Amino acid sequence: MTTPEEDPELPGLEDALTRARAAHEKMAAALDEDQHQEPEPEDLGWQPVWKRPRTPKSKAAKKLEQHKQRRRLQDAGKRRLTAGESRRPRPRQSRIGSAAARRDARALSRVRHSTAWLW
């Protein structure tokens, strides 16, 4: 078996070795540079709304948000009002004219709203 120095078919073995060493030095320098850079801030992932950094809104965006909120609250108030009115019994015309009927209705209302048990 022949050694590489004696073999005429392998030209520039020393040259390849010097190029490999130079490339190794360049790679080591590049890796070293990367390690000296400041670490990137970590992404904290999902966070609740109250912990997220605030993003400034334009005046138009604020006005629109307030308009939507006001509308939402007004609609909720209307719903509450209509819900309360729908449960309230309306007086019937026949009951209004007669005092006796009014007394009966009052007595029935007291019985209906009392906590006493009827056996």
C-alpha atoms as a PDB file:
ATOM      1  CA  MET A   1       0.000   0.000   0.000  1.00  0.00           C
ATOM      2  CA  THR A   2       1.270   3.438  -0.875  1.00  0.00           C
ATOM      3  CA  THR A   3       1.310   6.533   1.302  1.00  0.00           C
ATOM      4  CA  PRO A   4      -0.435   9.737   0.086  1.00  0.00           C
ATOM      5  CA  GLU A   5       2.871  11.599  -0.451  1.00  0.00           C
ATOM      6  CA  GLU A   6       4.114   8.948  -2.813  1.00  0.00           C
ATOM      7  CA  ASP A   7       0.856   8.625  -4.797  1.00  0.00           C
ATOM      8  CA  PRO A   8       0.954  10.862  -7.883  1.00  0.00           C
ATOM      9  CA  GLU A   9      -2.865  10.567  -8.413  1.00  0.00           C
ATOM     10  CA  LEU A  10      -3.743  12.658  -5.296  1.00  0.00           C
ATOM     11  CA  PRO A  11      -2.762  16.218  -6.218  1.00  0.00           C
ATOM     12  CA  GLY A  12      -2.929  18.967  -3.637  1.00  0.00           C
ATOM     13  CA  LEU A  13      -3.669  16.955  -0.512  1.00  0.00           C
ATOM     14  CA  GLU A  14      -1.816  19.544   1.548  1.00  0.00           C
ATOM     15  CA  ASP A  15      -3.744  22.276  -0.271  1.00  0.00           C
ATOM     16  CA  ALA A  16      -7.095  20.666   0.643  1.00  0.00           C
ATOM     17  CA  LEU A  17      -5.981  20.344   4.252  1.00  0.00           C
ATOM     18  CA  THR A  18      -5.064  24.055   4.469  1.00  0.00           C
ATOM     19  CA  ARG A  19      -8.414  25.038   2.880  1.00  0.00           C
ATOM     20  CA  ALA A  20     -10.283  22.858   5.398  1.00  0.00           C
ATOM     21  CA  ARG A  21      -8.409  24.468   8.283  1.00  0.00           C
ATOM     22  CA  ALA A  22      -9.222  27.964   6.957  1.00  0.00           C
ATOM     23  CA  ALA A  23     -12.891  27.060   6.553  1.00  0.00           C
ATOM     24  CA  HIS A  24     -12.909  25.653  10.085  1.00  0.00           C
ATOM     25  CA  GLU A  25     -11.536  28.923  11.440  1.00  0.00           C
ATOM     26  CA  LYS A  26     -14.171  30.931   9.542  1.00  0.00           C
ATOM     27  CA  MET A  27     -16.968  28.713  10.858  1.00  0.00           C
ATOM     28  CA  ALA A  28     -15.658  28.955  14.409  1.00  0.00           C
ATOM     29  CA  ALA A  29     -15.501  32.753  14.126  1.00  0.00           C
ATOM     30  CA  ALA A  30     -19.071  32.890  12.760  1.00  0.00           C
ATOM     31  CA  LEU A  31     -20.372  30.662  15.553  1.00  0.00           C
ATOM     32  CA  ASP A  32     -18.520  32.743  18.104  1.00  0.00           C
ATOM     33  CA  GLU A  33     -20.147  35.912  16.677  1.00  0.00           C
ATOM     34  CA  ASP A  34     -23.614  34.388  17.004  1.00  0.00           C
ATOM     35  CA  GLN A  35     -23.034  33.548  20.644  1.00  0.00           C
ATOM     36  CA  HIS A  36     -21.961  37.103  21.490  1.00  0.00           C
ATOM     37  CA  GLN A  37     -25.152  38.649  20.092  1.00  0.00           C
ATOM     38  CA  GLU A  38     -27.897  39.576  22.515  1.00  0.00           C
ATOM     39  CA  PRO A  39     -30.460  36.828  22.958  1.00  0.00           C
ATOM     40  CA  GLU A  40     -33.792  37.483  21.263  1.00  0.00           C
ATOM     41  CA  PRO A  41     -36.641  38.312  23.647  1.00  0.00           C
ATOM     42  CA  GLU A  42     -38.649  35.195  24.315  1.00  0.00           C
ATOM     43  CA  ASP A  43     -42.201  35.045  23.065  1.00  0.00           C
ATOM     44  CA  LEU A  44     -44.320  34.734  26.185  1.00  0.00           C
ATOM     45  CA  GLY A  45     -47.135  33.061  24.309  1.00  0.00           C
ATOM     46  CA  TRP A  46     -50.747  33.707  25.273  1.00  0.00           C
ATOM     47  CA  GLN A  47     -51.343  36.290  27.972  1.00  0.00           C
ATOM     48  CA  PRO A  48     -54.567  37.611  29.460  1.00  0.00           C
ATOM     49  CA  VAL A  49     -55.790  40.968  28.197  1.00  0.00           C
ATOM     50  CA  TRP A  50     -54.812  42.865  31.342  1.00  0.00           C
ATOM     51  CA  LYS A  51     -51.163  41.741  31.044  1.00  0.00           C
ATOM     52  CA  ARG A  52     -50.674  42.489  27.348  1.00  0.00           C
ATOM     53  CA  PRO A  53     -48.779  45.641  26.389  1.00  0.00           C
ATOM     54  CA  ARG A  54     -51.104  48.453  25.401  1.00  0.00           C
ATOM     55  CA  THR A  55     -51.393  49.455  21.793  1.00  0.00           C
ATOM     56  CA  PRO A  56     -52.329  53.114  21.260  1.00  0.00           C
ATOM     57  CA  LYS A  57     -55.659  53.698  19.482  1.00  0.00           C
ATOM     58  CA  SER A  58     -56.538  56.526  17.182  1.00  0.00           C
ATOM     59  CA  LYS A  59     -59.258  59.011  18.157  1.00  0.00           C
ATOM     60  CA  ALA A  60     -61.585  57.577  15.528  1.00  0.00           C
ATOM     61  CA  ALA A  61     -61.095  54.050  16.886  1.00  0.00           C
ATOM     62  CA  LYS A  62     -61.828  55.250  20.456  1.00  0.00           C
ATOM     63  CA  LYS A  63     -64.981  57.076  19.338  1.00  0.00           C
ATOM     64  CA  LEU A  64     -66.190  54.030  17.433  1.00  0.00           C
ATOM     65  CA  GLU A  65     -65.568  51.763  20.428  1.00  0.00           C
ATOM     66  CA  GLN A  66     -67.442  54.143  22.751  1.00  0.00           C
ATOM     67  CA  HIS A  67     -70.310  54.386  20.270  1.00  0.00           C
ATOM     68  CA  LYS A  68     -70.596  50.600  20.119  1.00  0.00           C
ATOM     69  CA  GLN A  69     -70.452  50.326  23.916  1.00  0.00           C
ATOM     70  CA  ARG A  70     -73.115  53.016  24.392  1.00  0.00           C
ATOM     71  CA  ARG A  71     -75.364  51.288  21.852  1.00  0.00           C
ATOM     72  CA  ARG A  72     -74.854  47.919  23.554  1.00  0.00           C
ATOM     73  CA  LEU A  73     -75.718  49.359  26.972  1.00  0.00           C
ATOM     74  CA  GLN A  74     -78.804  51.153  25.621  1.00  0.00           C
ATOM     75  CA  ASP A  75     -80.050  47.952  23.995  1.00  0.00           C
ATOM     76  CA  ALA A  76     -79.490  46.041  27.236  1.00  0.00           C
ATOM     77  CA  GLY A  77     -81.474  48.672  29.148  1.00  0.00           C
ATOM     78  CA  LYS A  78     -84.351  48.428  26.685  1.00  0.00           C
ATOM     79  CA  ARG A  79     -84.346  44.645  27.006  1.00  0.00           C
ATOM     80  CA  ARG A  80     -84.430  44.885  30.804  1.00  0.00           C
ATOM     81  CA  LEU A  81     -87.285  47.376  30.699  1.00  0.00           C
ATOM     82  CA  THR A  82     -89.400  45.288  28.324  1.00  0.00           C
ATOM     83  CA  ALA A  83     -88.661  42.119  30.317  1.00  0.00           C
ATOM     84  CA  GLY A  84     -89.862  43.790  33.528  1.00  0.00           C
ATOM     85  CA  GLU A  85     -92.978  45.166  31.871  1.00  0.00           C
ATOM     86  CA  SER A  86     -93.916  41.871  30.301  1.00  0.00           C
ATOM     87  CA  ARG A  87     -94.113  40.178  33.710  1.00  0.00           C
ATOM     88  CA  ARG A  88     -96.196  42.948  35.276  1.00  0.00           C
ATOM     89  CA  PRO A  89     -99.919  42.153  34.936  1.00  0.00           C
ATOM     90  CA  ARG A  90    -101.933  44.819  33.155  1.00  0.00           C
ATOM     91  CA  PRO A  91    -105.196  45.996  34.750  1.00  0.00           C
ATOM     92  CA  ARG A  92    -108.231  44.851  32.800  1.00  0.00           C
ATOM     93  CA  GLN A  93    -110.939  47.384  32.013  1.00  0.00           C
ATOM     94  CA  SER A  94    -113.636  45.348  33.740  1.00  0.00           C
ATOM     95  CA  ARG A  95    -111.704  45.432  37.036  1.00  0.00           C
ATOM     96  CA  ILE A  96    -111.146  49.178  37.001  1.00  0.00           C
ATOM     97  CA  GLY A  97    -114.802  50.233  37.331  1.00  0.00           C
ATOM     98  CA  SER A  98    -115.846  48.027  40.233  1.00  0.00           C
ATOM     99  CA  ALA A  99    -114.545  48.640  43.782  1.00  0.00           C
ATOM    100  CA  ALA A 100    -115.566  45.147  44.873  1.00  0.00           C
ATOM    101  CA  ALA A 101    -113.609  43.597  42.016  1.00  0.00           C
ATOM    102  CA  ARG A 102    -110.610  45.718  42.960  1.00  0.00           C
ATOM    103  CA  ARG A 103    -110.825  44.452  46.548  1.00  0.00           C
ATOM    104  CA  ASP A 104    -111.024  40.872  45.322  1.00  0.00           C
ATOM    105  CA  ALA A 105    -108.029  41.386  43.066  1.00  0.00           C
ATOM    106  CA  ARG A 106    -106.060  42.904  45.959  1.00  0.00           C
ATOM    107  CA  ALA A 107    -106.891  39.969  48.219  1.00  0.00           C
ATOM    108  CA  LEU A 108    -105.929  37.493  45.529  1.00  0.00           C
ATOM    109  CA  SER A 109    -102.648  39.331  45.006  1.00  0.00           C
ATOM    110  CA  ARG A 110    -101.879  39.171  48.735  1.00  0.00           C
ATOM    111  CA  VAL A 111    -102.537  35.444  48.778  1.00  0.00           C
ATOM    112  CA  ARG A 112    -100.425  34.911  45.690  1.00  0.00           C
ATOM    113  CA  HIS A 113     -97.456  36.845  47.088  1.00  0.00           C
ATOM    114  CA  SER A 114     -97.608  35.602  50.654  1.00  0.00           C
ATOM    115  CA  THR A 115     -95.350  32.884  51.999  1.00  0.00           C
ATOM    116  CA  ALA A 116     -98.138  31.198  53.982  1.00  0.00           C
ATOM    117  CA  TRP A 117     -99.106  27.691  52.878  1.00  0.00           C
ATOM    118  CA  LEU A 118    -102.692  27.017  51.984  1.00  0.00           C
ATOM    119  CA  TRP A 119    -103.970  23.556  52.927  1.00  0.00           C
END
